[in-house]
Amino acid sequence: QGSHRVITRQECEKSGATLEPFWRDSNITKIAALDAAYRSSGGDRCVFTEINFGREVESNADITTTNGIVSQKSNLPQGRQILAIVDQVVIPIDGGLNADTPEAQIVQFVKKQCENRGIPPANFWFDSGLRTELVQQFSRDWSLDVNSVDCGNKPTDQKVSMEINMPCHDYYSKLVTELWYSVRMIIISKQFRNLNKDVMWELCSREWKNVSGNRIEIESKNEMKLKTSKSPDLADCLAIACWGARQRGFQIARLQPKEQPKQFGPDWRDKLR
């Protein structure tokens, strides 16, 4: 039954995605994201998400930590990058006659949250598809440095993974599919932490199918709501946040070439030849 799921619960648990992060030092980058839904259509939630990424301490290192950060970092290995969920909040929208517009309420909420959490507008991403009013509101009431992404757009031309040597626009049908599969790659690369059960349920419930050109496409929100009676808003917002983390330097291990082992002396194949 899990053959057509983006990811399964077993893969999440096996990869340690539900574990807490152990940061190597305080050099942590904070990312915020928004999945906007302000018309109350179809029961969609307006979700704000914060994630952090940085270097992880090697598992075999002798360490002591304070609030998840290593207190003695001398003589420790570099560690690889990991990404962790910090918080996810459903933004309340007041539909009263005397209330501000939904766009203004969202921008005020997001701006306050980011200022309190120490997240600059340049590290904030949101889905701008068919939401020109929201884009203008962010630019007018907060900053021009915020980043918009159209999830219905064409996928990028970067390589799918080390195992699949082809551009994403030939492998996926839409950018939102590439974003979701990026989350999958982070998890199975054992670089994800603090995955809670609500987000994991949404990630593991969404299926994919083949469309024209034998490309992969995840099922739409409407299809998923008919199947599960729930919209994957938490997972959508997480996918946008992970996309933002990649733009700010987070590297997925499955997208990086493996280091070639160093050879000493003559090549063993010379003698065999």
Protein backbone atom coordinates (compact mmCIF):
# COMPACT_ATOMS: atom_id res chain seq x y z
CA GLN A 1 0.00 0.00 0.00
CA GLY A 2 2.98 2.31 0.50
CA SER A 3 4.38 1.79 -2.99
CA HIS A 4 2.79 4.99 -4.30
CA ARG A 5 3.34 7.14 -1.21
CA VAL A 6 5.82 10.00 -1.27
CA ILE A 7 7.32 8.51 1.89
CA THR A 8 6.25 5.94 4.48
CA ARG A 9 6.16 5.99 8.27
CA GLN A 10 8.73 3.19 8.37
CA GLU A 11 11.19 5.24 6.29
CA CYS A 12 10.74 8.24 8.59
CA GLU A 13 11.35 6.24 11.76
CA LYS A 14 14.23 4.23 10.29
CA SER A 15 16.00 7.44 9.22
CA GLY A 16 15.76 8.99 12.69
CA ALA A 17 13.54 11.87 11.54
CA THR A 18 11.60 11.89 14.83
CA LEU A 19 14.73 12.27 16.99
CA GLU A 20 15.86 15.52 18.59
CA PRO A 21 18.75 17.43 17.01
CA PHE A 22 22.17 17.76 18.62
CA TRP A 23 23.77 20.89 17.21
CA ARG A 24 27.55 21.07 16.98
CA ASP A 25 27.57 24.80 17.81
CA SER A 26 25.37 27.89 17.80
CA ASN A 27 25.96 28.55 14.10
CA ILE A 28 22.34 27.78 13.23
CA THR A 29 20.31 29.34 10.39
CA LYS A 30 16.64 30.10 11.03
CA ILE A 31 14.08 29.81 8.22
CA ALA A 32 10.38 30.72 8.24
CA ALA A 33 7.65 29.80 5.76
CA LEU A 34 3.96 30.37 5.16
CA ASP A 35 1.25 28.31 3.46
CA ALA A 36 -1.49 30.89 3.07
CA ALA A 37 -5.21 30.05 3.06
CA TYR A 38 -7.28 33.08 4.00
CA ARG A 39 -10.58 32.55 2.22
CA SER A 40 -11.62 29.63 4.43
CA SER A 41 -12.25 27.52 1.34
CA GLY A 42 -12.29 23.77 1.74
CA GLY A 43 -11.15 23.88 5.35
CA ASP A 44 -7.53 24.80 4.51
CA ARG A 45 -5.44 26.19 7.36
CA CYS A 46 -3.08 29.16 7.17
CA VAL A 47 0.17 27.76 8.58
CA PHE A 48 3.39 29.45 9.75
CA THR A 49 6.49 27.25 10.15
CA GLU A 50 9.98 27.77 11.59
CA ILE A 51 12.83 25.37 10.88
CA ASN A 52 16.54 25.52 11.77
CA PHE A 53 19.53 23.97 10.08
CA GLY A 54 23.17 23.62 11.04
CA ARG A 55 25.89 21.08 11.74
CA GLU A 56 25.26 17.93 13.77
CA VAL A 57 27.67 16.34 16.20
CA GLU A 58 28.94 12.94 15.13
CA SER A 59 27.16 10.15 16.99
CA ASN A 60 30.39 8.60 18.29
CA ALA A 61 31.71 11.86 19.79
CA ASP A 62 32.01 12.26 23.57
CA ILE A 63 29.88 15.35 24.14
CA THR A 64 27.95 17.32 26.72
CA THR A 65 25.12 19.57 25.59
CA THR A 66 23.18 22.57 26.85
CA ASN A 67 19.75 23.13 25.26
CA GLY A 68 20.71 20.82 22.42
CA ILE A 69 23.96 22.69 21.64
CA VAL A 70 27.38 21.20 22.27
CA SER A 71 29.13 22.94 25.17
CA GLN A 72 32.63 21.67 24.32
CA LYS A 73 33.23 21.84 20.59
CA SER A 74 37.01 21.59 20.45
CA ASN A 75 38.49 18.52 18.77
CA LEU A 76 35.08 17.47 17.51
CA PRO A 77 34.49 16.27 13.94
CA GLN A 78 32.81 18.71 11.57
CA GLY A 79 29.52 16.80 11.33
CA ARG A 80 27.01 16.98 8.53
CA GLN A 81 24.13 19.35 8.08
CA ILE A 82 20.78 18.53 9.65
CA LEU A 83 17.41 20.29 9.56
CA ALA A 84 14.84 20.38 12.36
CA ILE A 85 11.29 21.64 12.84
CA VAL A 86 11.13 24.26 15.60
CA ASP A 87 7.46 25.24 15.54
CA GLN A 88 4.31 25.25 13.43
CA VAL A 89 1.44 27.65 14.12
CA VAL A 90 -2.02 27.95 12.55
CA ILE A 91 -2.64 31.67 11.94
CA PRO A 92 -6.05 32.85 13.19
CA ILE A 93 -8.03 34.89 10.66
CA ASP A 94 -10.75 37.21 11.99
CA GLY A 95 -13.64 37.38 9.51
CA GLY A 96 -15.52 40.14 11.34
CA LEU A 97 -16.85 43.21 9.57
CA ASN A 98 -14.52 45.56 11.45
CA ALA A 99 -11.43 43.39 11.09
CA ASP A 100 -8.53 44.11 8.77
CA THR A 101 -8.32 42.27 5.47
CA PRO A 102 -7.09 38.66 5.70
CA GLU A 103 -3.91 39.64 3.85
CA ALA A 104 -3.14 42.39 6.37
CA GLN A 105 -3.79 40.05 9.31
CA ILE A 106 -1.45 37.40 7.87
CA VAL A 107 1.37 39.88 7.22
CA GLN A 108 1.07 41.40 10.71
CA PHE A 109 1.14 37.95 12.32
CA VAL A 110 4.12 36.72 10.26
CA LYS A 111 6.10 39.92 10.75
CA LYS A 112 5.63 39.80 14.53
CA GLN A 113 6.53 36.11 14.70
CA CYS A 114 9.71 36.57 12.66
CA GLU A 115 10.81 39.61 14.66
CA ASN A 116 10.28 37.75 17.95
CA ARG A 117 12.17 34.71 16.66
CA GLY A 118 15.05 36.68 15.15
CA ILE A 119 14.30 35.70 11.54
CA PRO A 120 15.08 38.38 8.92
CA PRO A 121 12.64 38.89 6.02
CA ALA A 122 15.29 37.53 3.62
CA ASN A 123 14.90 34.14 5.35
CA PHE A 124 11.12 33.99 4.91
CA TRP A 125 9.38 32.13 2.05
CA PHE A 126 5.70 31.85 1.09
CA ASP A 127 3.60 30.41 -1.72
CA SER A 128 2.58 33.28 -3.99
CA GLY A 129 0.52 31.35 -6.54
CA LEU A 130 -2.57 33.42 -7.53
CA ARG A 131 -2.10 35.65 -4.45
CA THR A 132 -0.99 38.98 -5.86
CA GLU A 133 -2.73 40.89 -3.03
CA LEU A 134 -0.71 38.99 -0.43
CA VAL A 135 2.55 39.62 -2.30
CA GLN A 136 1.82 43.34 -2.41
CA GLN A 137 0.84 43.36 1.27
CA PHE A 138 4.14 41.78 2.31
CA SER A 139 6.11 44.27 0.23
CA ARG A 140 4.13 47.23 1.55
CA ASP A 141 3.81 46.36 5.26
CA TRP A 142 7.03 44.46 5.90
CA SER A 143 9.90 44.26 3.41
CA LEU A 144 10.86 43.78 -0.22
CA ASP A 145 13.34 41.10 0.88
CA VAL A 146 10.69 38.41 1.48
CA ASN A 147 10.81 35.47 -0.94
CA SER A 148 7.85 34.16 -2.91
CA VAL A 149 7.63 30.78 -4.63
CA ASP A 150 4.91 29.60 -7.01
CA CYS A 151 4.36 25.93 -6.18
CA GLY A 152 2.41 25.40 -9.41
CA ASN A 153 5.36 26.53 -11.49
CA LYS A 154 7.72 24.42 -13.60
CA PRO A 155 10.33 22.35 -11.71
CA THR A 156 13.96 23.46 -11.71
CA ASP A 157 16.68 22.20 -14.04
CA GLN A 158 18.93 20.84 -11.30
CA LYS A 159 19.76 17.15 -10.99
CA VAL A 160 17.16 14.91 -9.31
CA SER A 161 19.69 13.01 -7.17
CA MET A 162 23.00 11.15 -7.35
CA GLU A 163 21.10 8.00 -8.35
CA ILE A 164 18.86 9.70 -10.95
CA ASN A 165 20.97 11.70 -13.40
CA MET A 166 18.31 13.83 -15.09
CA PRO A 167 16.91 17.36 -14.58
CA CYS A 168 13.95 17.81 -12.25
CA HIS A 169 11.77 19.35 -14.98
CA ASP A 170 11.97 16.06 -16.90
CA TYR A 171 11.28 13.95 -13.79
CA TYR A 172 8.57 15.96 -11.97
CA SER A 173 5.48 17.64 -13.43
CA LYS A 174 5.26 20.63 -11.04
CA LEU A 175 7.48 22.48 -8.60
CA VAL A 176 5.34 21.39 -5.63
CA THR A 177 6.21 17.76 -6.44
CA GLU A 178 9.91 18.61 -6.48
CA LEU A 179 9.50 20.38 -3.12
CA TRP A 180 7.82 17.36 -1.54
CA TYR A 181 10.43 14.97 -2.90
CA SER A 182 13.15 17.25 -1.52
CA VAL A 183 11.64 16.67 1.94
CA ARG A 184 11.70 12.94 1.22
CA MET A 185 15.40 13.08 0.25
CA ILE A 186 16.27 15.02 3.41
CA ILE A 187 14.54 12.37 5.52
CA ILE A 188 16.03 9.28 3.85
CA SER A 189 19.46 10.98 3.90
CA LYS A 190 19.08 10.95 7.72
CA GLN A 191 19.29 14.74 7.87
CA PHE A 192 15.83 15.48 9.32
CA ARG A 193 14.99 15.92 13.02
CA ASN A 194 11.94 16.76 15.18
CA LEU A 195 9.38 15.37 12.72
CA ASN A 196 6.12 15.26 14.71
CA LYS A 197 3.29 12.81 14.15
CA ASP A 198 0.89 15.33 12.56
CA VAL A 199 3.33 16.36 9.83
CA MET A 200 4.47 12.76 9.34
CA TRP A 201 0.85 11.65 8.86
CA GLU A 202 0.36 14.23 6.11
CA LEU A 203 3.67 13.37 4.42
CA CYS A 204 2.87 9.66 4.48
CA SER A 205 -0.72 10.07 3.27
CA ARG A 206 -0.02 11.85 0.00
CA GLU A 207 0.33 9.63 -3.06
CA TRP A 208 1.96 10.16 -6.45
CA LYS A 209 1.09 9.14 -9.98
CA ASN A 210 2.62 9.18 -13.45
CA VAL A 211 1.42 11.84 -15.89
CA SER A 212 2.36 12.81 -19.45
CA GLY A 213 6.00 12.24 -20.30
CA ASN A 214 6.21 9.60 -17.55
CA ARG A 215 6.76 12.38 -15.02
CA ILE A 216 5.87 12.13 -11.34
CA GLU A 217 3.08 14.26 -9.87
CA ILE A 218 1.72 14.22 -6.33
CA GLU A 219 -2.02 14.14 -5.92
CA SER A 220 -3.81 17.47 -5.59
CA LYS A 221 -5.13 18.87 -2.33
CA ASN A 222 -8.70 18.24 -3.48
CA GLU A 223 -7.92 14.57 -4.18
CA MET A 224 -6.26 14.17 -0.81
CA LYS A 225 -9.15 15.87 1.01
CA LEU A 226 -11.62 13.49 -0.64
CA LYS A 227 -9.50 10.56 0.51
CA THR A 228 -8.54 11.69 4.03
CA SER A 229 -10.98 14.57 4.77
CA LYS A 230 -7.93 16.68 5.60
CA SER A 231 -5.72 19.12 3.72
CA PRO A 232 -1.90 18.64 3.94
CA ASP A 233 -1.26 22.26 5.00
CA LEU A 234 1.42 21.45 7.62
CA ALA A 235 3.43 19.35 5.17
CA ASP A 236 3.01 21.91 2.37
CA CYS A 237 4.39 24.66 4.60
CA LEU A 238 7.28 22.40 5.66
CA ALA A 239 8.13 21.74 2.00
CA ILE A 240 8.28 25.49 1.35
CA ALA A 241 10.50 25.98 4.42
CA CYS A 242 12.88 23.23 3.26
CA TRP A 243 13.06 24.90 -0.14
CA GLY A 244 14.05 28.13 1.60
CA ALA A 245 16.70 26.31 3.65
CA ARG A 246 18.26 24.99 0.44
CA GLN A 247 18.42 28.53 -0.94
CA ARG A 248 20.32 29.57 2.18
CA GLY A 249 22.98 26.87 2.07
CA PHE A 250 21.44 23.62 3.28
CA GLN A 251 22.75 20.72 1.18
CA ILE A 252 20.99 17.39 0.82
CA ALA A 253 23.50 14.55 1.09
CA ARG A 254 21.84 12.59 -1.73
CA LEU A 255 22.49 15.50 -4.09
CA GLN A 256 26.20 15.75 -3.31
CA PRO A 257 28.89 13.61 -4.97
CA LYS A 258 30.49 11.10 -2.66
CA GLU A 259 34.15 11.63 -1.84
CA GLN A 260 36.40 9.30 -3.75
CA PRO A 261 38.64 7.13 -1.55
CA LYS A 262 42.28 8.11 -1.60
CA GLN A 263 44.59 5.68 -3.34
CA PHE A 264 48.08 4.99 -2.12
CA GLY A 265 50.70 3.40 -4.36
CA PRO A 266 50.03 1.78 -7.74
CA ASP A 267 46.49 0.98 -8.81
CA TRP A 268 45.64 -2.69 -8.10
CA ARG A 269 44.12 -2.91 -11.59
CA ASP A 270 47.52 -2.33 -13.21
CA LYS A 271 48.82 -5.65 -11.92
CA LEU A 272 45.60 -7.41 -12.90
CA ARG A 273 45.88 -6.09 -16.46
